[in-house]
N, C-alpha and C. Protein backbone atom coordinates (compact mmCIF):
# COMPACT_ATOMS: atom_id res chain seq x y z
N UNK A 1 -3.12 43.68 14.89
CA UNK A 1 -1.73 43.58 14.51
C UNK A 1 -1.52 44.31 13.18
N UNK A 2 -0.40 45.00 13.09
CA UNK A 2 -0.08 45.75 11.88
C UNK A 2 0.22 44.81 10.72
N UNK A 3 -0.08 45.28 9.52
CA UNK A 3 0.21 44.52 8.31
C UNK A 3 1.64 44.80 7.88
N UNK A 4 2.54 43.84 8.09
CA UNK A 4 3.94 44.04 7.74
C UNK A 4 4.16 43.71 6.27
N UNK A 5 5.20 44.31 5.72
CA UNK A 5 5.57 44.07 4.32
C UNK A 5 7.03 43.67 4.27
N UNK A 6 7.35 42.73 3.40
CA UNK A 6 8.74 42.32 3.20
C UNK A 6 9.34 43.27 2.18
N UNK A 7 10.29 44.13 2.63
CA UNK A 7 10.81 45.21 1.81
C UNK A 7 12.30 45.09 1.52
N UNK A 8 12.70 45.66 0.39
CA UNK A 8 14.11 45.85 0.07
C UNK A 8 14.25 47.08 -0.81
N UNK A 9 15.45 47.66 -0.80
CA UNK A 9 15.75 48.84 -1.61
C UNK A 9 16.69 48.38 -2.72
N UNK A 10 16.38 48.78 -3.97
CA UNK A 10 17.16 48.27 -5.08
C UNK A 10 17.25 49.27 -6.23
N UNK A 11 18.20 49.00 -7.11
CA UNK A 11 18.30 49.70 -8.39
C UNK A 11 17.59 48.79 -9.40
N UNK A 12 16.53 49.31 -10.06
CA UNK A 12 15.87 48.49 -11.07
C UNK A 12 16.67 48.49 -12.37
N UNK A 13 16.51 47.44 -13.14
CA UNK A 13 17.11 47.41 -14.47
C UNK A 13 16.19 48.13 -15.45
N UNK A 14 16.78 48.78 -16.42
CA UNK A 14 15.97 49.36 -17.49
C UNK A 14 15.49 48.21 -18.38
N UNK A 15 14.43 48.46 -19.12
CA UNK A 15 13.92 47.43 -20.02
C UNK A 15 14.97 47.04 -21.06
N UNK A 16 15.71 48.04 -21.59
CA UNK A 16 16.75 47.75 -22.58
C UNK A 16 17.86 46.88 -21.99
N UNK A 17 18.31 47.21 -20.79
CA UNK A 17 19.38 46.43 -20.15
C UNK A 17 18.89 45.02 -19.85
N UNK A 18 17.66 44.89 -19.39
CA UNK A 18 17.09 43.57 -19.07
C UNK A 18 17.05 42.69 -20.34
N UNK A 19 16.58 43.26 -21.44
CA UNK A 19 16.47 42.50 -22.69
C UNK A 19 17.86 42.11 -23.21
N UNK A 20 18.81 43.04 -23.18
CA UNK A 20 20.16 42.75 -23.67
C UNK A 20 20.84 41.70 -22.80
N UNK A 21 20.68 41.82 -21.49
CA UNK A 21 21.31 40.86 -20.60
C UNK A 21 20.67 39.48 -20.75
N UNK A 22 19.36 39.41 -20.88
CA UNK A 22 18.68 38.13 -21.06
C UNK A 22 19.17 37.45 -22.34
N UNK A 23 19.35 38.23 -23.41
CA UNK A 23 19.85 37.66 -24.66
C UNK A 23 21.27 37.13 -24.50
N UNK A 24 22.11 37.86 -23.78
CA UNK A 24 23.50 37.42 -23.60
C UNK A 24 23.57 36.17 -22.71
N UNK A 25 22.71 36.11 -21.71
CA UNK A 25 22.69 34.93 -20.84
C UNK A 25 22.21 33.71 -21.63
N UNK A 26 21.20 33.89 -22.48
CA UNK A 26 20.72 32.77 -23.32
C UNK A 26 21.83 32.28 -24.25
N UNK A 27 22.61 33.21 -24.81
CA UNK A 27 23.73 32.83 -25.69
C UNK A 27 24.78 32.02 -24.91
N UNK A 28 25.08 32.46 -23.69
CA UNK A 28 26.12 31.80 -22.89
C UNK A 28 25.67 30.46 -22.36
N UNK A 29 24.38 30.32 -22.10
CA UNK A 29 23.85 29.08 -21.51
C UNK A 29 22.62 28.64 -22.29
N UNK A 30 22.81 28.17 -23.53
CA UNK A 30 21.65 27.80 -24.35
C UNK A 30 20.77 26.72 -23.72
N UNK A 31 21.35 25.91 -22.86
CA UNK A 31 20.58 24.87 -22.17
C UNK A 31 19.94 25.37 -20.88
N UNK A 32 20.13 26.63 -20.57
CA UNK A 32 19.58 27.21 -19.35
C UNK A 32 20.62 27.27 -18.24
N UNK A 33 20.35 28.10 -17.27
CA UNK A 33 21.23 28.27 -16.12
C UNK A 33 20.98 27.17 -15.10
N UNK A 34 22.00 26.83 -14.31
CA UNK A 34 21.79 25.83 -13.26
C UNK A 34 21.00 26.43 -12.10
N UNK A 35 20.38 25.57 -11.33
CA UNK A 35 19.73 25.99 -10.10
C UNK A 35 18.36 26.62 -10.31
N UNK A 36 17.95 27.35 -9.29
CA UNK A 36 16.66 28.05 -9.32
C UNK A 36 16.91 29.42 -9.95
N UNK A 37 16.47 29.59 -11.16
CA UNK A 37 16.76 30.78 -11.95
C UNK A 37 15.83 31.93 -11.57
N UNK A 38 16.40 33.12 -11.43
CA UNK A 38 15.62 34.33 -11.20
C UNK A 38 15.11 34.79 -12.57
N UNK A 39 13.82 34.94 -12.70
CA UNK A 39 13.24 35.36 -13.98
C UNK A 39 13.65 36.81 -14.30
N UNK A 40 13.98 37.10 -15.56
CA UNK A 40 14.41 38.45 -15.92
C UNK A 40 13.51 39.59 -15.42
N UNK A 41 12.17 39.44 -15.39
CA UNK A 41 11.37 40.55 -14.85
C UNK A 41 11.69 40.89 -13.38
N UNK A 42 12.29 39.93 -12.66
CA UNK A 42 12.63 40.15 -11.26
C UNK A 42 14.07 40.61 -11.05
N UNK A 43 14.84 40.79 -12.11
CA UNK A 43 16.22 41.22 -11.96
C UNK A 43 16.30 42.65 -11.43
N UNK A 44 17.15 42.83 -10.45
CA UNK A 44 17.41 44.14 -9.83
C UNK A 44 18.72 44.02 -9.07
N UNK A 45 19.26 45.15 -8.68
CA UNK A 45 20.47 45.15 -7.86
C UNK A 45 20.07 45.61 -6.45
N UNK A 46 20.09 44.68 -5.52
CA UNK A 46 19.68 44.99 -4.14
C UNK A 46 20.73 45.86 -3.47
N UNK A 47 20.28 46.98 -2.94
CA UNK A 47 21.15 47.86 -2.15
C UNK A 47 21.02 47.55 -0.67
N UNK A 48 19.80 47.20 -0.23
CA UNK A 48 19.58 46.89 1.18
C UNK A 48 18.32 46.07 1.33
N UNK A 49 18.44 44.87 1.91
CA UNK A 49 17.28 44.04 2.24
C UNK A 49 16.86 44.41 3.65
N UNK A 50 15.56 44.61 3.87
CA UNK A 50 15.06 45.02 5.18
C UNK A 50 14.24 43.94 5.87
N UNK A 51 13.62 43.06 5.11
CA UNK A 51 12.78 42.03 5.71
C UNK A 51 11.40 42.56 6.03
N UNK A 52 10.76 41.98 7.04
CA UNK A 52 9.40 42.37 7.40
C UNK A 52 9.41 43.72 8.11
N UNK A 53 8.65 44.66 7.56
CA UNK A 53 8.65 46.04 8.03
C UNK A 53 7.21 46.48 8.30
N UNK A 54 6.98 47.05 9.46
CA UNK A 54 5.67 47.58 9.82
C UNK A 54 5.39 48.86 9.03
N UNK A 55 4.12 49.20 8.81
CA UNK A 55 3.78 50.39 8.02
C UNK A 55 4.42 51.69 8.52
N UNK A 56 4.46 51.90 9.83
CA UNK A 56 5.07 53.13 10.36
C UNK A 56 6.56 53.18 10.05
N UNK A 57 7.23 52.02 10.13
CA UNK A 57 8.66 51.96 9.80
C UNK A 57 8.89 52.18 8.30
N UNK A 58 7.98 51.67 7.47
CA UNK A 58 8.08 51.88 6.03
C UNK A 58 7.93 53.36 5.69
N UNK A 59 7.03 54.04 6.39
CA UNK A 59 6.85 55.48 6.18
C UNK A 59 8.11 56.25 6.58
N UNK A 60 8.73 55.86 7.70
CA UNK A 60 9.98 56.50 8.13
C UNK A 60 11.09 56.26 7.10
N UNK A 61 11.15 55.04 6.57
CA UNK A 61 12.14 54.72 5.56
C UNK A 61 11.95 55.59 4.32
N UNK A 62 10.72 55.70 3.84
CA UNK A 62 10.45 56.52 2.65
C UNK A 62 10.86 57.97 2.88
N UNK A 63 10.53 58.50 4.04
CA UNK A 63 10.89 59.89 4.34
C UNK A 63 12.41 60.05 4.42
N UNK A 64 13.08 59.07 5.02
CA UNK A 64 14.53 59.13 5.14
C UNK A 64 15.21 59.05 3.78
N UNK A 65 14.72 58.17 2.91
CA UNK A 65 15.29 58.07 1.56
C UNK A 65 15.03 59.34 0.76
N UNK A 66 13.83 59.91 0.90
CA UNK A 66 13.51 61.17 0.19
C UNK A 66 14.44 62.29 0.62
N UNK A 67 14.84 62.30 1.89
CA UNK A 67 15.70 63.37 2.42
C UNK A 67 17.19 63.09 2.22
N UNK A 68 17.53 61.88 1.85
CA UNK A 68 18.95 61.48 1.77
C UNK A 68 19.65 62.09 0.55
N UNK A 69 20.94 62.29 0.71
CA UNK A 69 21.79 62.73 -0.41
C UNK A 69 22.27 61.47 -1.12
N UNK A 70 21.49 61.01 -2.09
CA UNK A 70 21.80 59.75 -2.77
C UNK A 70 22.77 59.94 -3.93
N UNK A 71 23.06 61.18 -4.29
CA UNK A 71 24.00 61.44 -5.37
C UNK A 71 23.30 61.65 -6.70
N UNK A 72 24.10 61.95 -7.70
CA UNK A 72 23.61 62.24 -9.04
C UNK A 72 23.44 60.94 -9.83
N UNK A 73 22.63 60.98 -10.88
CA UNK A 73 22.54 59.81 -11.76
C UNK A 73 23.90 59.47 -12.35
N UNK A 74 24.09 58.19 -12.67
CA UNK A 74 25.35 57.72 -13.23
C UNK A 74 25.07 56.53 -14.12
N UNK A 75 26.10 56.01 -14.75
CA UNK A 75 25.94 54.85 -15.63
C UNK A 75 26.75 53.68 -15.08
N UNK A 76 26.22 52.49 -15.29
CA UNK A 76 26.96 51.27 -14.98
C UNK A 76 27.08 50.47 -16.28
N UNK A 77 28.01 49.55 -16.27
CA UNK A 77 28.07 48.57 -17.35
C UNK A 77 28.18 47.21 -16.69
N UNK A 78 27.19 46.38 -16.97
CA UNK A 78 27.21 45.01 -16.48
C UNK A 78 28.29 44.29 -17.26
N UNK A 79 29.14 43.56 -16.55
CA UNK A 79 30.35 42.99 -17.13
C UNK A 79 30.24 41.49 -17.32
N UNK A 80 30.83 40.73 -16.42
CA UNK A 80 30.87 39.28 -16.57
C UNK A 80 30.14 38.56 -15.45
N UNK A 81 30.00 37.26 -15.63
CA UNK A 81 29.37 36.42 -14.62
C UNK A 81 30.37 36.09 -13.52
N UNK A 82 29.86 35.84 -12.36
CA UNK A 82 30.65 35.42 -11.22
C UNK A 82 29.80 34.52 -10.34
N UNK A 83 30.37 34.08 -9.23
CA UNK A 83 29.65 33.16 -8.35
C UNK A 83 30.06 33.38 -6.90
N UNK A 84 29.12 33.16 -6.01
CA UNK A 84 29.38 33.13 -4.57
C UNK A 84 29.25 31.69 -4.12
N UNK A 85 29.99 31.17 -3.18
CA UNK A 85 31.19 31.79 -2.63
C UNK A 85 32.37 31.75 -3.59
N UNK A 86 32.34 30.76 -4.53
CA UNK A 86 33.38 30.68 -5.56
C UNK A 86 32.83 29.84 -6.71
N UNK A 87 33.41 30.01 -7.89
CA UNK A 87 32.89 29.37 -9.09
C UNK A 87 32.93 27.84 -9.03
N UNK A 88 33.92 27.28 -8.36
CA UNK A 88 34.04 25.82 -8.29
C UNK A 88 32.98 25.17 -7.40
N UNK A 89 32.36 25.97 -6.55
CA UNK A 89 31.34 25.45 -5.63
C UNK A 89 30.29 26.53 -5.41
N UNK A 90 29.65 26.92 -6.49
CA UNK A 90 28.74 28.07 -6.48
C UNK A 90 27.39 27.75 -5.86
N UNK A 91 26.90 28.70 -5.08
CA UNK A 91 25.52 28.66 -4.60
C UNK A 91 24.71 29.82 -5.18
N UNK A 92 25.40 30.83 -5.71
CA UNK A 92 24.75 31.96 -6.37
C UNK A 92 25.54 32.28 -7.63
N UNK A 93 24.82 32.41 -8.75
CA UNK A 93 25.41 32.85 -10.02
C UNK A 93 24.94 34.27 -10.25
N UNK A 94 25.87 35.17 -10.57
CA UNK A 94 25.52 36.59 -10.68
C UNK A 94 26.27 37.26 -11.82
N UNK A 95 25.83 38.50 -12.11
CA UNK A 95 26.51 39.38 -13.06
C UNK A 95 26.99 40.58 -12.27
N UNK A 96 28.24 40.97 -12.48
CA UNK A 96 28.81 42.13 -11.79
C UNK A 96 28.96 43.30 -12.74
N UNK A 97 29.27 44.45 -12.18
CA UNK A 97 29.47 45.68 -12.95
C UNK A 97 30.96 46.01 -13.00
N UNK A 98 31.44 46.42 -14.18
CA UNK A 98 32.84 46.84 -14.27
C UNK A 98 32.95 48.37 -14.37
N UNK A 99 31.90 49.04 -14.78
CA UNK A 99 31.87 50.50 -14.76
C UNK A 99 30.73 50.93 -13.85
N UNK A 100 30.99 51.93 -13.05
CA UNK A 100 29.97 52.39 -12.12
C UNK A 100 29.95 51.65 -10.80
N UNK A 101 30.89 50.73 -10.60
CA UNK A 101 30.90 49.95 -9.35
C UNK A 101 31.14 50.84 -8.14
N UNK A 102 32.04 51.82 -8.26
CA UNK A 102 32.31 52.73 -7.13
C UNK A 102 31.07 53.57 -6.83
N UNK A 103 30.37 54.00 -7.86
CA UNK A 103 29.15 54.78 -7.65
C UNK A 103 28.06 53.92 -7.01
N UNK A 104 27.98 52.65 -7.40
CA UNK A 104 27.01 51.75 -6.77
C UNK A 104 27.34 51.56 -5.28
N UNK A 105 28.62 51.45 -4.96
CA UNK A 105 29.01 51.32 -3.56
C UNK A 105 28.65 52.57 -2.77
N UNK A 106 28.88 53.74 -3.36
CA UNK A 106 28.53 55.00 -2.69
C UNK A 106 27.02 55.10 -2.51
N UNK A 107 26.26 54.69 -3.51
CA UNK A 107 24.80 54.70 -3.42
C UNK A 107 24.33 53.75 -2.33
N UNK A 108 24.91 52.56 -2.28
CA UNK A 108 24.54 51.60 -1.23
C UNK A 108 24.85 52.16 0.15
N UNK A 109 25.98 52.85 0.29
CA UNK A 109 26.33 53.45 1.58
C UNK A 109 25.33 54.54 1.97
N UNK A 110 24.91 55.35 0.99
CA UNK A 110 23.92 56.40 1.27
C UNK A 110 22.58 55.80 1.66
N UNK A 111 22.19 54.72 0.99
CA UNK A 111 20.94 54.02 1.34
C UNK A 111 21.06 53.41 2.73
N UNK A 112 22.22 52.84 3.04
CA UNK A 112 22.45 52.27 4.37
C UNK A 112 22.31 53.36 5.44
N UNK A 113 22.89 54.54 5.18
CA UNK A 113 22.76 55.65 6.13
C UNK A 113 21.30 56.05 6.31
N UNK A 114 20.56 56.11 5.21
CA UNK A 114 19.14 56.47 5.29
C UNK A 114 18.36 55.43 6.07
N UNK A 115 18.69 54.17 5.88
CA UNK A 115 18.03 53.10 6.65
C UNK A 115 18.33 53.26 8.14
N UNK A 116 19.59 53.58 8.47
CA UNK A 116 19.96 53.81 9.86
C UNK A 116 19.21 55.00 10.44
N UNK A 117 19.09 56.07 9.67
CA UNK A 117 18.35 57.25 10.12
C UNK A 117 16.88 56.93 10.36
N UNK A 118 16.36 55.95 9.65
CA UNK A 118 14.96 55.54 9.81
C UNK A 118 14.78 54.53 10.94
N UNK A 119 15.89 54.15 11.59
CA UNK A 119 15.80 53.27 12.75
C UNK A 119 16.07 51.81 12.49
N UNK A 120 16.54 51.46 11.30
CA UNK A 120 16.85 50.07 11.00
C UNK A 120 18.26 49.74 11.47
N UNK A 121 18.48 48.53 11.99
CA UNK A 121 19.83 48.16 12.41
C UNK A 121 20.75 48.07 11.20
N UNK A 122 22.06 48.23 11.41
CA UNK A 122 22.99 48.18 10.29
C UNK A 122 23.04 46.81 9.64
N UNK A 123 23.35 46.82 8.34
CA UNK A 123 23.52 45.57 7.59
C UNK A 123 24.74 44.85 8.17
N UNK A 124 24.65 43.52 8.25
CA UNK A 124 25.76 42.76 8.84
C UNK A 124 26.74 42.22 7.81
N UNK A 125 26.46 42.45 6.51
CA UNK A 125 27.38 41.99 5.46
C UNK A 125 27.81 43.18 4.61
N UNK A 126 29.04 43.15 4.11
CA UNK A 126 29.47 44.23 3.24
C UNK A 126 28.72 44.18 1.91
N UNK A 127 28.52 45.34 1.30
CA UNK A 127 27.84 45.42 0.01
C UNK A 127 28.75 44.91 -1.10
N UNK A 128 28.19 44.07 -1.97
CA UNK A 128 28.89 43.60 -3.17
C UNK A 128 27.93 43.78 -4.34
N UNK A 129 28.24 44.70 -5.24
CA UNK A 129 27.35 45.00 -6.36
C UNK A 129 27.24 43.80 -7.29
N UNK A 130 26.05 43.21 -7.35
CA UNK A 130 25.83 42.06 -8.22
C UNK A 130 24.34 41.91 -8.50
N UNK A 131 24.06 41.30 -9.62
CA UNK A 131 22.70 41.00 -10.04
C UNK A 131 22.56 39.48 -10.02
N UNK A 132 21.75 38.94 -9.13
CA UNK A 132 21.59 37.50 -8.99
C UNK A 132 20.81 36.92 -10.17
N UNK A 133 21.41 35.90 -10.82
CA UNK A 133 20.77 35.21 -11.93
C UNK A 133 20.16 33.88 -11.49
N UNK A 134 20.83 33.19 -10.55
CA UNK A 134 20.34 31.88 -10.11
C UNK A 134 20.88 31.56 -8.73
N UNK A 135 20.09 30.79 -7.98
CA UNK A 135 20.51 30.25 -6.69
C UNK A 135 20.65 28.75 -6.88
N UNK A 136 21.79 28.20 -6.47
CA UNK A 136 22.14 26.83 -6.81
C UNK A 136 22.26 25.98 -5.55
N UNK A 137 21.39 24.98 -5.42
CA UNK A 137 21.42 24.03 -4.32
C UNK A 137 21.25 22.64 -4.89
N UNK A 138 22.10 21.69 -4.64
CA UNK A 138 23.36 21.84 -3.94
C UNK A 138 24.36 22.64 -4.78
N UNK A 139 25.47 23.07 -4.16
CA UNK A 139 26.47 23.84 -4.90
C UNK A 139 26.95 23.10 -6.15
N UNK A 140 27.32 23.89 -7.17
CA UNK A 140 27.78 23.31 -8.43
C UNK A 140 29.00 24.06 -8.95
N UNK A 141 29.74 23.42 -9.81
CA UNK A 141 30.89 24.02 -10.47
C UNK A 141 30.39 24.77 -11.70
N UNK A 142 30.53 26.10 -11.71
CA UNK A 142 30.04 26.91 -12.83
C UNK A 142 31.20 27.59 -13.58
N UNK A 143 32.42 27.09 -13.38
CA UNK A 143 33.58 27.71 -14.03
C UNK A 143 33.45 27.70 -15.55
N UNK A 144 33.01 26.60 -16.13
CA UNK A 144 32.88 26.53 -17.59
C UNK A 144 31.84 27.52 -18.11
N UNK A 145 30.75 27.66 -17.40
CA UNK A 145 29.71 28.62 -17.80
C UNK A 145 30.23 30.05 -17.73
N UNK A 146 30.93 30.38 -16.65
CA UNK A 146 31.48 31.73 -16.50
C UNK A 146 32.47 32.02 -17.62
N UNK A 147 33.30 31.04 -17.93
CA UNK A 147 34.28 31.20 -19.02
C UNK A 147 33.57 31.37 -20.36
N UNK A 148 32.56 30.56 -20.62
CA UNK A 148 31.83 30.62 -21.89
C UNK A 148 31.08 31.94 -22.05
N UNK A 149 30.60 32.49 -20.96
CA UNK A 149 29.83 33.73 -21.03
C UNK A 149 30.68 34.91 -21.43
N UNK A 150 31.93 34.92 -21.01
CA UNK A 150 32.79 36.06 -21.32
C UNK A 150 32.21 37.34 -20.74
N UNK A 151 32.43 38.44 -21.45
CA UNK A 151 31.93 39.74 -21.00
C UNK A 151 30.50 39.95 -21.47
N UNK A 152 29.65 40.41 -20.60
CA UNK A 152 28.26 40.69 -20.92
C UNK A 152 28.16 42.06 -21.62
N UNK A 153 28.84 43.06 -21.06
CA UNK A 153 28.94 44.41 -21.64
C UNK A 153 27.58 45.04 -21.96
N UNK A 154 26.75 45.17 -20.94
CA UNK A 154 25.45 45.81 -21.09
C UNK A 154 25.47 47.10 -20.29
N UNK A 155 25.40 48.27 -20.98
CA UNK A 155 25.37 49.54 -20.26
C UNK A 155 23.96 49.85 -19.76
N UNK A 156 23.91 50.66 -18.70
CA UNK A 156 22.61 51.02 -18.14
C UNK A 156 22.72 52.29 -17.30
N UNK A 157 21.80 53.22 -17.46
CA UNK A 157 21.79 54.38 -16.57
C UNK A 157 21.17 54.01 -15.21
N UNK A 158 21.67 54.66 -14.17
CA UNK A 158 21.08 54.52 -12.83
C UNK A 158 20.61 55.91 -12.43
N UNK A 159 19.29 56.08 -12.35
CA UNK A 159 18.74 57.39 -12.06
C UNK A 159 17.73 57.40 -10.92
N UNK A 160 17.56 56.22 -10.27
CA UNK A 160 16.61 56.14 -9.16
C UNK A 160 16.87 54.88 -8.34
N UNK A 161 16.35 54.89 -7.13
CA UNK A 161 16.28 53.68 -6.33
C UNK A 161 14.81 53.42 -6.05
N UNK A 162 14.49 52.17 -5.81
CA UNK A 162 13.10 51.79 -5.60
C UNK A 162 13.01 50.96 -4.32
N UNK A 163 12.00 51.26 -3.51
CA UNK A 163 11.66 50.39 -2.38
C UNK A 163 10.63 49.40 -2.93
N UNK A 164 10.98 48.13 -2.87
CA UNK A 164 10.10 47.08 -3.37
C UNK A 164 9.49 46.31 -2.21
N UNK A 165 8.27 45.86 -2.44
CA UNK A 165 7.63 44.89 -1.55
C UNK A 165 7.69 43.55 -2.25
N UNK A 166 8.14 42.54 -1.54
CA UNK A 166 8.27 41.20 -2.08
C UNK A 166 7.07 40.38 -1.65
N UNK A 167 6.37 39.84 -2.63
CA UNK A 167 5.24 38.94 -2.38
C UNK A 167 5.71 37.53 -2.70
N UNK A 168 5.85 36.71 -1.68
CA UNK A 168 6.32 35.34 -1.88
C UNK A 168 5.12 34.42 -2.10
N UNK A 169 5.34 33.42 -2.95
CA UNK A 169 4.26 32.48 -3.19
C UNK A 169 4.65 31.48 -4.24
N UNK A 170 3.69 30.65 -4.61
CA UNK A 170 3.92 29.65 -5.64
C UNK A 170 4.28 30.35 -6.94
N UNK A 171 5.22 29.78 -7.66
CA UNK A 171 5.63 30.39 -8.92
C UNK A 171 6.71 31.44 -8.75
N UNK A 172 7.22 31.60 -7.55
CA UNK A 172 8.30 32.57 -7.32
C UNK A 172 7.81 33.89 -6.77
N UNK A 173 8.76 34.72 -6.45
CA UNK A 173 8.45 36.02 -5.86
C UNK A 173 7.90 36.98 -6.92
N UNK A 174 7.08 37.91 -6.46
CA UNK A 174 6.58 39.00 -7.28
C UNK A 174 6.93 40.28 -6.55
N UNK A 175 7.47 41.27 -7.27
CA UNK A 175 7.91 42.50 -6.64
C UNK A 175 7.02 43.66 -7.04
N UNK A 176 6.65 44.44 -6.04
CA UNK A 176 5.78 45.60 -6.22
C UNK A 176 6.55 46.86 -5.81
N UNK A 177 6.56 47.86 -6.69
CA UNK A 177 7.19 49.14 -6.34
C UNK A 177 6.33 49.84 -5.30
N UNK A 178 6.98 50.22 -4.18
CA UNK A 178 6.28 50.90 -3.10
C UNK A 178 6.64 52.39 -3.10
N UNK A 179 7.91 52.69 -3.37
CA UNK A 179 8.40 54.06 -3.35
C UNK A 179 9.52 54.17 -4.39
N UNK A 180 9.49 55.23 -5.17
CA UNK A 180 10.55 55.50 -6.15
C UNK A 180 11.22 56.80 -5.74
N UNK A 181 12.55 56.76 -5.60
CA UNK A 181 13.32 57.93 -5.18
C UNK A 181 14.32 58.27 -6.30
N UNK A 182 14.11 59.39 -6.99
CA UNK A 182 15.04 59.75 -8.06
C UNK A 182 16.38 60.20 -7.50
N UNK A 183 17.45 59.94 -8.24
CA UNK A 183 18.78 60.45 -7.87
C UNK A 183 18.87 61.89 -8.35
N UNK A 184 19.82 62.61 -7.69
CA UNK A 184 20.04 64.00 -8.10
C UNK A 184 19.29 64.90 -7.28
């Protein structure tokens, strides 16, 4: 049997953006975030989750991404906190982008096309540019936290996408870079 890997395609955070965002989150929530918190080293913006992928399919994905027109590098600015499905009954706490959001959507669409060209079925949910900070079970009201956080205002260049392998286990997930595809 082939050795499958749990893969996703994402925009990594720069070290500067990660440090600035972590500091702003600590300021907004000095007592910590609710729920199961995603550790800052694991922060990324997922463009496409693929799940368990066989090695031959992973090779096709890498070739398709390398050949794709992913666009030129651009800048984003991480803005404020938000929640899915809504702040009054949140199950996910996230940070969104106020600058570069259209470029992120275009990049996600190009990655989706490349995934389709590699033989993966289409994503069943629309893309929403966000960086997950915490998963909250049971749902909680995070309106006060979102209000207290205000604007995050962390700028960051986007110059590549990364195919990550997710290693699940005790202590949370660990992500390994499998393929790096520069923009431009």
